[in-house]
Amino acid sequence: MTVILNTWIFEKDVKQGVSQTQLVERVKALGADGIEVRREYFKDLDKELVQVGQSAKEAGLIVNYSVPDVVFAEDGSVNSKLMDYFKEGEILDISKIKFNTGHFDKFDGDLQEAFSEFPLDQIEMNVENDQTILSGKVAPIKTFLEAAHQAGYPGIGYVYDLGNWAFTHGDAIASADALRESTNYIHLKNTINVDGELSTSDDLDEGVYDWREILTHLPHDVSFALEYPMDTDEKIKQQISLLKAEIGD
């Protein structure tokens, strides 16, 4: 199996000034197969894109790119920044890029033409269920993916984010079943609910979800990312082992 570490794991260190470039070797030492860098964590974008790309290549790590932006703008047009994000991804030599869907409900153009300039034959594009009603519900995600596939882009897929379903009051299992065929990537985190106050757990086994049961509703031949803050490398290693014990090598 392929295990990716999203750099949100190292939130405490990032807040203290550690760059994502510095995290590459740490991810390698922890035994992961790749690193998912977050665009909002770059302090000097142009410089760090090159550094992360080079460091990850030397370490033999997969690089995925999490971009906190939408595919479709508020008026339904394709986000004018998407090509810039893909170019950043090319510098990083990424395998996957992740966005949120946005206002596909207002798009009235030709999807095949609109996406024709993007390097989708080199970079796998996915959308994720986020913590908003707009981009965090099954129906709009599925509608967009079906349209993309019909437009000739079967590789555009979906990132199943377990923990986010709690924030949009979605059914995690029904959502997994509905989007399974388009799932290219799985983000794992659990969510704690204390009297309606939701927070992200630092342990897959602590929270409202039975993640093992949910994984029986999802494909196993995809990449899995751990995506929740953890304070120590020992904890990170323990969580990687927990995941591998369930999925197997």
C-alpha atoms as a PDB file:
ATOM      1  CA  MET A   1       0.000   0.000   0.000  1.00  0.00           C
ATOM      2  CA  THR A   2       1.005   3.620  -0.468  1.00  0.00           C
ATOM      3  CA  VAL A   3       1.054   5.860   2.612  1.00  0.00           C
ATOM      4  CA  ILE A   4       1.296   9.624   2.229  1.00  0.00           C
ATOM      5  CA  LEU A   5       1.833  12.105   5.057  1.00  0.00           C
ATOM      6  CA  ASN A   6      -0.022  15.395   4.646  1.00  0.00           C
ATOM      7  CA  THR A   7       2.027  18.182   6.180  1.00  0.00           C
ATOM      8  CA  TRP A   8      -0.876  19.226   8.421  1.00  0.00           C
ATOM      9  CA  ILE A   9       0.528  16.419  10.588  1.00  0.00           C
ATOM     10  CA  PHE A  10       3.411  18.755  11.431  1.00  0.00           C
ATOM     11  CA  GLU A  11       1.238  21.799  12.174  1.00  0.00           C
ATOM     12  CA  LYS A  12       3.016  22.573  15.442  1.00  0.00           C
ATOM     13  CA  ASP A  13       6.414  22.615  13.740  1.00  0.00           C
ATOM     14  CA  VAL A  14       5.167  24.634  10.768  1.00  0.00           C
ATOM     15  CA  LYS A  15       3.808  27.267  13.137  1.00  0.00           C
ATOM     16  CA  GLN A  16       7.252  27.417  14.732  1.00  0.00           C
ATOM     17  CA  GLY A  17       8.881  28.150  11.392  1.00  0.00           C
ATOM     18  CA  VAL A  18       9.775  24.723   9.994  1.00  0.00           C
ATOM     19  CA  SER A  19       9.449  24.739   6.192  1.00  0.00           C
ATOM     20  CA  GLN A  20       7.902  21.991   4.110  1.00  0.00           C
ATOM     21  CA  THR A  21      11.303  21.511   2.496  1.00  0.00           C
ATOM     22  CA  GLN A  22      12.669  20.570   5.922  1.00  0.00           C
ATOM     23  CA  LEU A  23       9.845  18.066   6.354  1.00  0.00           C
ATOM     24  CA  VAL A  24      10.743  15.981   3.302  1.00  0.00           C
ATOM     25  CA  GLU A  25      13.563  13.999   4.928  1.00  0.00           C
ATOM     26  CA  ARG A  26      11.487  13.600   8.069  1.00  0.00           C
ATOM     27  CA  VAL A  27       8.645  12.072   6.086  1.00  0.00           C
ATOM     28  CA  LYS A  28      11.134   9.688   4.485  1.00  0.00           C
ATOM     29  CA  ALA A  29      12.588   8.728   7.878  1.00  0.00           C
ATOM     30  CA  LEU A  30       9.117   8.000   9.213  1.00  0.00           C
ATOM     31  CA  GLY A  31       8.680   5.319   6.585  1.00  0.00           C
ATOM     32  CA  ALA A  32       6.061   6.975   4.391  1.00  0.00           C
ATOM     33  CA  ASP A  33       5.956   6.670   0.613  1.00  0.00           C
ATOM     34  CA  GLY A  34       5.203  10.303  -0.056  1.00  0.00           C
ATOM     35  CA  ILE A  35       4.458  13.791   1.169  1.00  0.00           C
ATOM     36  CA  GLU A  36       1.382  15.897   0.499  1.00  0.00           C
ATOM     37  CA  VAL A  37       2.372  19.538   0.649  1.00  0.00           C
ATOM     38  CA  ARG A  38      -0.118  22.262   1.424  1.00  0.00           C
ATOM     39  CA  ARG A  39       0.003  25.413  -0.670  1.00  0.00           C
ATOM     40  CA  GLU A  40      -0.944  27.602   2.283  1.00  0.00           C
ATOM     41  CA  TYR A  41       2.111  26.373   4.204  1.00  0.00           C
ATOM     42  CA  PHE A  42       4.654  27.794   1.766  1.00  0.00           C
ATOM     43  CA  LYS A  43       6.390  30.907   3.068  1.00  0.00           C
ATOM     44  CA  ASP A  44       8.471  31.611  -0.068  1.00  0.00           C
ATOM     45  CA  LEU A  45       6.471  29.857  -2.780  1.00  0.00           C
ATOM     46  CA  ASP A  46       8.829  30.084  -5.743  1.00  0.00           C
ATOM     47  CA  LYS A  47      11.881  29.064  -3.751  1.00  0.00           C
ATOM     48  CA  GLU A  48      10.231  26.240  -1.812  1.00  0.00           C
ATOM     49  CA  LEU A  49       8.499  24.692  -4.818  1.00  0.00           C
ATOM     50  CA  VAL A  50      11.915  24.003  -6.337  1.00  0.00           C
ATOM     51  CA  GLN A  51      13.428  22.874  -3.041  1.00  0.00           C
ATOM     52  CA  VAL A  52      10.617  20.462  -2.168  1.00  0.00           C
ATOM     53  CA  GLY A  53      10.603  19.020  -5.664  1.00  0.00           C
ATOM     54  CA  GLN A  54      14.341  18.407  -5.648  1.00  0.00           C
ATOM     55  CA  SER A  55      14.437  17.064  -2.089  1.00  0.00           C
ATOM     56  CA  ALA A  56      11.541  14.688  -2.667  1.00  0.00           C
ATOM     57  CA  LYS A  57      13.096  13.380  -5.875  1.00  0.00           C
ATOM     58  CA  GLU A  58      16.367  12.708  -4.070  1.00  0.00           C
ATOM     59  CA  ALA A  59      14.479  10.973  -1.262  1.00  0.00           C
ATOM     60  CA  GLY A  60      12.418   8.902  -3.685  1.00  0.00           C
ATOM     61  CA  LEU A  61       9.138  10.258  -2.348  1.00  0.00           C
ATOM     62  CA  ILE A  62       5.835  10.775  -4.127  1.00  0.00           C
ATOM     63  CA  VAL A  63       4.642  14.398  -3.968  1.00  0.00           C
ATOM     64  CA  ASN A  64       0.957  15.354  -3.899  1.00  0.00           C
ATOM     65  CA  TYR A  65      -0.321  18.927  -3.814  1.00  0.00           C
ATOM     66  CA  SER A  66      -3.197  20.221  -1.693  1.00  0.00           C
ATOM     67  CA  VAL A  67      -4.530  23.526  -3.006  1.00  0.00           C
ATOM     68  CA  PRO A  68      -7.184  25.292  -0.897  1.00  0.00           C
ATOM     69  CA  ASP A  69      -9.083  26.701  -3.844  1.00  0.00           C
ATOM     70  CA  VAL A  70     -12.061  25.845  -6.039  1.00  0.00           C
ATOM     71  CA  VAL A  71     -12.248  24.549  -9.600  1.00  0.00           C
ATOM     72  CA  PHE A  72     -15.247  26.749 -10.387  1.00  0.00           C
ATOM     73  CA  ALA A  73     -15.526  30.367  -9.271  1.00  0.00           C
ATOM     74  CA  GLU A  74     -18.636  31.981  -7.800  1.00  0.00           C
ATOM     75  CA  ASP A  75     -20.006  32.866 -11.245  1.00  0.00           C
ATOM     76  CA  GLY A  76     -19.464  29.316 -12.519  1.00  0.00           C
ATOM     77  CA  SER A  77     -16.388  30.091 -14.604  1.00  0.00           C
ATOM     78  CA  VAL A  78     -13.306  27.905 -14.385  1.00  0.00           C
ATOM     79  CA  ASN A  79     -10.950  29.375 -11.794  1.00  0.00           C
ATOM     80  CA  SER A  80      -8.398  31.489 -13.654  1.00  0.00           C
ATOM     81  CA  LYS A  81      -5.687  30.430 -11.196  1.00  0.00           C
ATOM     82  CA  LEU A  82      -5.874  26.714 -12.017  1.00  0.00           C
ATOM     83  CA  MET A  83      -3.164  26.773 -14.671  1.00  0.00           C
ATOM     84  CA  ASP A  84      -0.812  28.486 -12.229  1.00  0.00           C
ATOM     85  CA  TYR A  85      -1.483  25.715  -9.713  1.00  0.00           C
ATOM     86  CA  PHE A  86      -0.738  23.044 -12.314  1.00  0.00           C
ATOM     87  CA  LYS A  87       2.517  24.823 -13.218  1.00  0.00           C
ATOM     88  CA  GLU A  88       3.454  24.831  -9.536  1.00  0.00           C
ATOM     89  CA  GLY A  89       2.660  21.125  -9.490  1.00  0.00           C
ATOM     90  CA  GLU A  90       4.970  20.520 -12.429  1.00  0.00           C
ATOM     91  CA  ILE A  91       7.818  22.203 -10.546  1.00  0.00           C
ATOM     92  CA  LEU A  92       7.087  19.947  -7.579  1.00  0.00           C
ATOM     93  CA  ASP A  93       6.852  16.935  -9.940  1.00  0.00           C
ATOM     94  CA  ILE A  94       3.579  15.923  -8.305  1.00  0.00           C
ATOM     95  CA  SER A  95       1.456  12.861  -8.891  1.00  0.00           C
ATOM     96  CA  LYS A  96      -1.857  14.331  -7.709  1.00  0.00           C
ATOM     97  CA  ILE A  97      -3.372  17.775  -7.246  1.00  0.00           C
ATOM     98  CA  LYS A  98      -6.427  18.387  -5.069  1.00  0.00           C
ATOM     99  CA  PHE A  99      -9.034  21.144  -5.219  1.00  0.00           C
ATOM    100  CA  ASN A 100     -12.580  21.758  -4.001  1.00  0.00           C
ATOM    101  CA  THR A 101     -15.361  21.710  -6.584  1.00  0.00           C
ATOM    102  CA  GLY A 102     -16.895  25.152  -6.080  1.00  0.00           C
ATOM    103  CA  HIS A 103     -19.811  26.453  -8.178  1.00  0.00           C
ATOM    104  CA  PHE A 104     -20.050  23.829 -10.910  1.00  0.00           C
ATOM    105  CA  ASP A 105     -23.825  24.305 -10.641  1.00  0.00           C
ATOM    106  CA  LYS A 106     -23.348  27.674 -12.403  1.00  0.00           C
ATOM    107  CA  PHE A 107     -20.964  26.461 -15.114  1.00  0.00           C
ATOM    108  CA  ASP A 108     -22.513  26.739 -18.583  1.00  0.00           C
ATOM    109  CA  GLY A 109     -19.519  26.209 -20.841  1.00  0.00           C
ATOM    110  CA  ASP A 110     -17.899  23.277 -22.635  1.00  0.00           C
ATOM    111  CA  LEU A 111     -16.028  21.259 -20.022  1.00  0.00           C
ATOM    112  CA  GLN A 112     -13.880  19.447 -22.565  1.00  0.00           C
ATOM    113  CA  GLU A 113     -12.676  22.745 -23.978  1.00  0.00           C
ATOM    114  CA  ALA A 114     -12.357  24.417 -20.573  1.00  0.00           C
ATOM    115  CA  PHE A 115      -9.996  21.738 -19.256  1.00  0.00           C
ATOM    116  CA  SER A 116      -8.088  21.097 -22.486  1.00  0.00           C
ATOM    117  CA  GLU A 117      -5.111  23.273 -21.513  1.00  0.00           C
ATOM    118  CA  PHE A 118      -4.437  21.484 -18.230  1.00  0.00           C
ATOM    119  CA  PRO A 119      -1.737  18.748 -18.126  1.00  0.00           C
ATOM    120  CA  LEU A 120      -4.204  16.064 -17.037  1.00  0.00           C
ATOM    121  CA  ASP A 121      -2.198  13.381 -18.807  1.00  0.00           C
ATOM    122  CA  GLN A 122       0.686  14.095 -16.421  1.00  0.00           C
ATOM    123  CA  ILE A 123      -1.007  15.157 -13.194  1.00  0.00           C
ATOM    124  CA  GLU A 124      -4.033  13.452 -11.676  1.00  0.00           C
ATOM    125  CA  MET A 125      -6.680  16.016 -10.741  1.00  0.00           C
ATOM    126  CA  ASN A 126      -9.061  15.314  -7.877  1.00  0.00           C
ATOM    127  CA  VAL A 127     -11.729  17.122  -5.879  1.00  0.00           C
ATOM    128  CA  GLU A 128     -12.294  16.549  -2.185  1.00  0.00           C
ATOM    129  CA  ASN A 129     -15.279  16.781   0.122  1.00  0.00           C
ATOM    130  CA  ASP A 130     -14.377  19.763   2.261  1.00  0.00           C
ATOM    131  CA  GLN A 131     -16.134  21.182   5.337  1.00  0.00           C
ATOM    132  CA  THR A 132     -18.543  23.412   3.374  1.00  0.00           C
ATOM    133  CA  ILE A 133     -22.050  22.769   2.105  1.00  0.00           C
ATOM    134  CA  LEU A 134     -20.997  23.920  -1.370  1.00  0.00           C
ATOM    135  CA  SER A 135     -18.150  21.438  -1.886  1.00  0.00           C
ATOM    136  CA  GLY A 136     -18.704  18.968   0.932  1.00  0.00           C
ATOM    137  CA  LYS A 137     -21.826  17.143  -0.190  1.00  0.00           C
ATOM    138  CA  VAL A 138     -22.106  14.026  -2.356  1.00  0.00           C
ATOM    139  CA  ALA A 139     -24.527  15.340  -4.989  1.00  0.00           C
ATOM    140  CA  PRO A 140     -22.470  18.268  -6.360  1.00  0.00           C
ATOM    141  CA  ILE A 141     -19.263  16.233  -6.286  1.00  0.00           C
ATOM    142  CA  LYS A 142     -20.877  13.353  -8.145  1.00  0.00           C
ATOM    143  CA  THR A 143     -22.519  15.680 -10.674  1.00  0.00           C
ATOM    144  CA  PHE A 144     -19.184  17.286 -11.510  1.00  0.00           C
ATOM    145  CA  LEU A 145     -17.311  13.988 -11.750  1.00  0.00           C
ATOM    146  CA  GLU A 146     -19.906  12.455 -14.057  1.00  0.00           C
ATOM    147  CA  ALA A 147     -19.759  15.527 -16.285  1.00  0.00           C
ATOM    148  CA  ALA A 148     -15.950  15.437 -16.351  1.00  0.00           C
ATOM    149  CA  HIS A 149     -15.939  11.772 -17.325  1.00  0.00           C
ATOM    150  CA  GLN A 150     -18.527  12.361 -20.047  1.00  0.00           C
ATOM    151  CA  ALA A 151     -16.380  15.223 -21.346  1.00  0.00           C
ATOM    152  CA  GLY A 152     -13.500  12.815 -21.880  1.00  0.00           C
ATOM    153  CA  TYR A 153     -11.596  13.165 -18.608  1.00  0.00           C
ATOM    154  CA  PRO A 154     -12.013   9.774 -16.899  1.00  0.00           C
ATOM    155  CA  GLY A 155      -8.898  10.370 -14.789  1.00  0.00           C
ATOM    156  CA  ILE A 156     -10.428  13.252 -12.852  1.00  0.00           C
ATOM    157  CA  GLY A 157     -11.411  11.751  -9.546  1.00  0.00           C
ATOM    158  CA  TYR A 158     -12.286  12.142  -5.928  1.00  0.00           C
ATOM    159  CA  VAL A 159     -10.468  12.376  -2.604  1.00  0.00           C
ATOM    160  CA  TYR A 160     -12.536  10.760   0.135  1.00  0.00           C
ATOM    161  CA  ASP A 161     -11.912  12.728   3.346  1.00  0.00           C
ATOM    162  CA  LEU A 162     -13.346  10.804   6.262  1.00  0.00           C
ATOM    163  CA  GLY A 163     -13.205  13.426   8.990  1.00  0.00           C
ATOM    164  CA  ASN A 164     -14.865  16.154   6.929  1.00  0.00           C
ATOM    165  CA  TRP A 165     -18.195  14.343   6.713  1.00  0.00           C
ATOM    166  CA  ALA A 166     -18.857  15.184  10.361  1.00  0.00           C
ATOM    167  CA  PHE A 167     -18.658  18.902   9.597  1.00  0.00           C
ATOM    168  CA  THR A 168     -21.215  18.726   6.773  1.00  0.00           C
ATOM    169  CA  HIS A 169     -23.407  16.199   8.614  1.00  0.00           C
ATOM    170  CA  GLY A 170     -22.931  13.689   5.837  1.00  0.00           C
ATOM    171  CA  ASP A 171     -23.244   9.921   6.082  1.00  0.00           C
ATOM    172  CA  ALA A 172     -19.661   8.678   5.786  1.00  0.00           C
ATOM    173  CA  ILE A 173     -20.622   5.167   4.674  1.00  0.00           C
ATOM    174  CA  ALA A 174     -23.329   6.187   2.206  1.00  0.00           C
ATOM    175  CA  SER A 175     -20.914   8.763   0.786  1.00  0.00           C
ATOM    176  CA  ALA A 176     -18.206   6.138   0.390  1.00  0.00           C
ATOM    177  CA  ASP A 177     -20.628   3.875  -1.445  1.00  0.00           C
ATOM    178  CA  ALA A 178     -21.850   6.688  -3.703  1.00  0.00           C
ATOM    179  CA  LEU A 179     -18.379   7.892  -4.704  1.00  0.00           C
ATOM    180  CA  ARG A 180     -16.383   4.671  -4.519  1.00  0.00           C
ATOM    181  CA  GLU A 181     -15.977   4.256  -8.274  1.00  0.00           C
ATOM    182  CA  SER A 182     -14.385   7.696  -8.603  1.00  0.00           C
ATOM    183  CA  THR A 183     -12.212   7.503  -5.483  1.00  0.00           C
ATOM    184  CA  ASN A 184      -8.540   7.921  -6.394  1.00  0.00           C
ATOM    185  CA  TYR A 185      -7.205   8.887  -2.984  1.00  0.00           C
ATOM    186  CA  ILE A 186      -8.270   8.578   0.660  1.00  0.00           C
ATOM    187  CA  HIS A 187      -7.598  11.088   3.429  1.00  0.00           C
ATOM    188  CA  LEU A 188      -7.924   9.561   6.859  1.00  0.00           C
ATOM    189  CA  LYS A 189      -8.655  11.419  10.054  1.00  0.00           C
ATOM    190  CA  ASN A 190     -11.202  10.927  12.819  1.00  0.00           C
ATOM    191  CA  THR A 191     -13.438  13.549  14.408  1.00  0.00           C
ATOM    192  CA  ILE A 192     -14.244  14.098  18.068  1.00  0.00           C
ATOM    193  CA  ASN A 193     -17.710  15.375  18.991  1.00  0.00           C
ATOM    194  CA  VAL A 194     -18.108  16.879  22.452  1.00  0.00           C
ATOM    195  CA  ASP A 195     -21.632  18.242  22.891  1.00  0.00           C
ATOM    196  CA  GLY A 196     -21.744  19.305  19.257  1.00  0.00           C
ATOM    197  CA  GLU A 197     -18.272  20.848  19.260  1.00  0.00           C
ATOM    198  CA  LEU A 198     -16.249  19.117  16.547  1.00  0.00           C
ATOM    199  CA  SER A 199     -12.478  18.776  16.489  1.00  0.00           C
ATOM    200  CA  THR A 200      -9.965  16.607  14.665  1.00  0.00           C
ATOM    201  CA  SER A 201      -8.560  13.690  16.632  1.00  0.00           C
ATOM    202  CA  ASP A 202      -4.853  12.876  16.772  1.00  0.00           C
ATOM    203  CA  ASP A 203      -5.595   9.144  16.616  1.00  0.00           C
ATOM    204  CA  LEU A 204      -7.588   7.118  14.067  1.00  0.00           C
ATOM    205  CA  ASP A 205      -9.022   5.019  16.875  1.00  0.00           C
ATOM    206  CA  GLU A 206     -10.425   7.991  18.772  1.00  0.00           C
ATOM    207  CA  GLY A 207     -13.506   9.684  17.372  1.00  0.00           C
ATOM    208  CA  VAL A 208     -16.992   9.165  16.029  1.00  0.00           C
ATOM    209  CA  TYR A 209     -15.997   6.983  13.079  1.00  0.00           C
ATOM    210  CA  ASP A 210     -15.224   3.295  12.826  1.00  0.00           C
ATOM    211  CA  TRP A 211     -12.595   3.875  10.151  1.00  0.00           C
ATOM    212  CA  ARG A 212     -11.985   0.164   9.663  1.00  0.00           C
ATOM    213  CA  GLU A 213     -15.633  -0.426   8.797  1.00  0.00           C
ATOM    214  CA  ILE A 214     -15.674   2.561   6.462  1.00  0.00           C
ATOM    215  CA  LEU A 215     -12.608   1.293   4.605  1.00  0.00           C
ATOM    216  CA  THR A 216     -14.557  -1.833   3.653  1.00  0.00           C
ATOM    217  CA  HIS A 217     -16.708   0.481   1.523  1.00  0.00           C
ATOM    218  CA  LEU A 218     -13.742   2.051  -0.279  1.00  0.00           C
ATOM    219  CA  PRO A 219     -11.106   0.798  -2.725  1.00  0.00           C
ATOM    220  CA  HIS A 220      -7.803  -0.395  -1.276  1.00  0.00           C
ATOM    221  CA  ASP A 221      -5.705  -0.041  -4.428  1.00  0.00           C
ATOM    222  CA  VAL A 222      -5.344   3.724  -3.977  1.00  0.00           C
ATOM    223  CA  SER A 223      -3.059   5.970  -1.945  1.00  0.00           C
ATOM    224  CA  PHE A 224      -3.901   6.659   1.696  1.00  0.00           C
ATOM    225  CA  ALA A 225      -2.934   9.874   3.447  1.00  0.00           C
ATOM    226  CA  LEU A 226      -2.862  10.531   7.159  1.00  0.00           C
ATOM    227  CA  GLU A 227      -4.042  14.109   7.658  1.00  0.00           C
ATOM    228  CA  TYR A 228      -4.270  15.271  11.256  1.00  0.00           C
ATOM    229  CA  PRO A 229      -1.846  17.009  13.612  1.00  0.00           C
ATOM    230  CA  MET A 230       0.329  14.765  15.762  1.00  0.00           C
ATOM    231  CA  ASP A 231       2.887  15.933  18.305  1.00  0.00           C
ATOM    232  CA  THR A 232       5.599  13.295  18.087  1.00  0.00           C
ATOM    233  CA  ASP A 233       7.298  11.114  15.512  1.00  0.00           C
ATOM    234  CA  GLU A 234       6.545   8.116  17.715  1.00  0.00           C
ATOM    235  CA  LYS A 235       2.835   8.868  17.389  1.00  0.00           C
ATOM    236  CA  ILE A 236       3.124   9.251  13.631  1.00  0.00           C
ATOM    237  CA  LYS A 237       4.935   5.920  13.301  1.00  0.00           C
ATOM    238  CA  GLN A 238       2.290   4.250  15.472  1.00  0.00           C
ATOM    239  CA  GLN A 239      -0.512   5.601  13.275  1.00  0.00           C
ATOM    240  CA  ILE A 240       1.258   4.488  10.083  1.00  0.00           C
ATOM    241  CA  SER A 241       1.593   1.011  11.579  1.00  0.00           C
ATOM    242  CA  LEU A 242      -2.074   1.048  12.576  1.00  0.00           C
ATOM    243  CA  LEU A 243      -3.095   1.804   9.004  1.00  0.00           C
ATOM    244  CA  LYS A 244      -0.754  -0.736   7.461  1.00  0.00           C
ATOM    245  CA  ALA A 245      -1.966  -3.427   9.825  1.00  0.00           C
ATOM    246  CA  GLU A 246      -5.488  -2.881   8.529  1.00  0.00           C
ATOM    247  CA  ILE A 247      -4.772  -2.533   4.823  1.00  0.00           C
ATOM    248  CA  GLY A 248      -1.632  -4.634   4.557  1.00  0.00           C
ATOM    249  CA  ASP A 249       1.492  -4.001   2.507  1.00  0.00           C
END
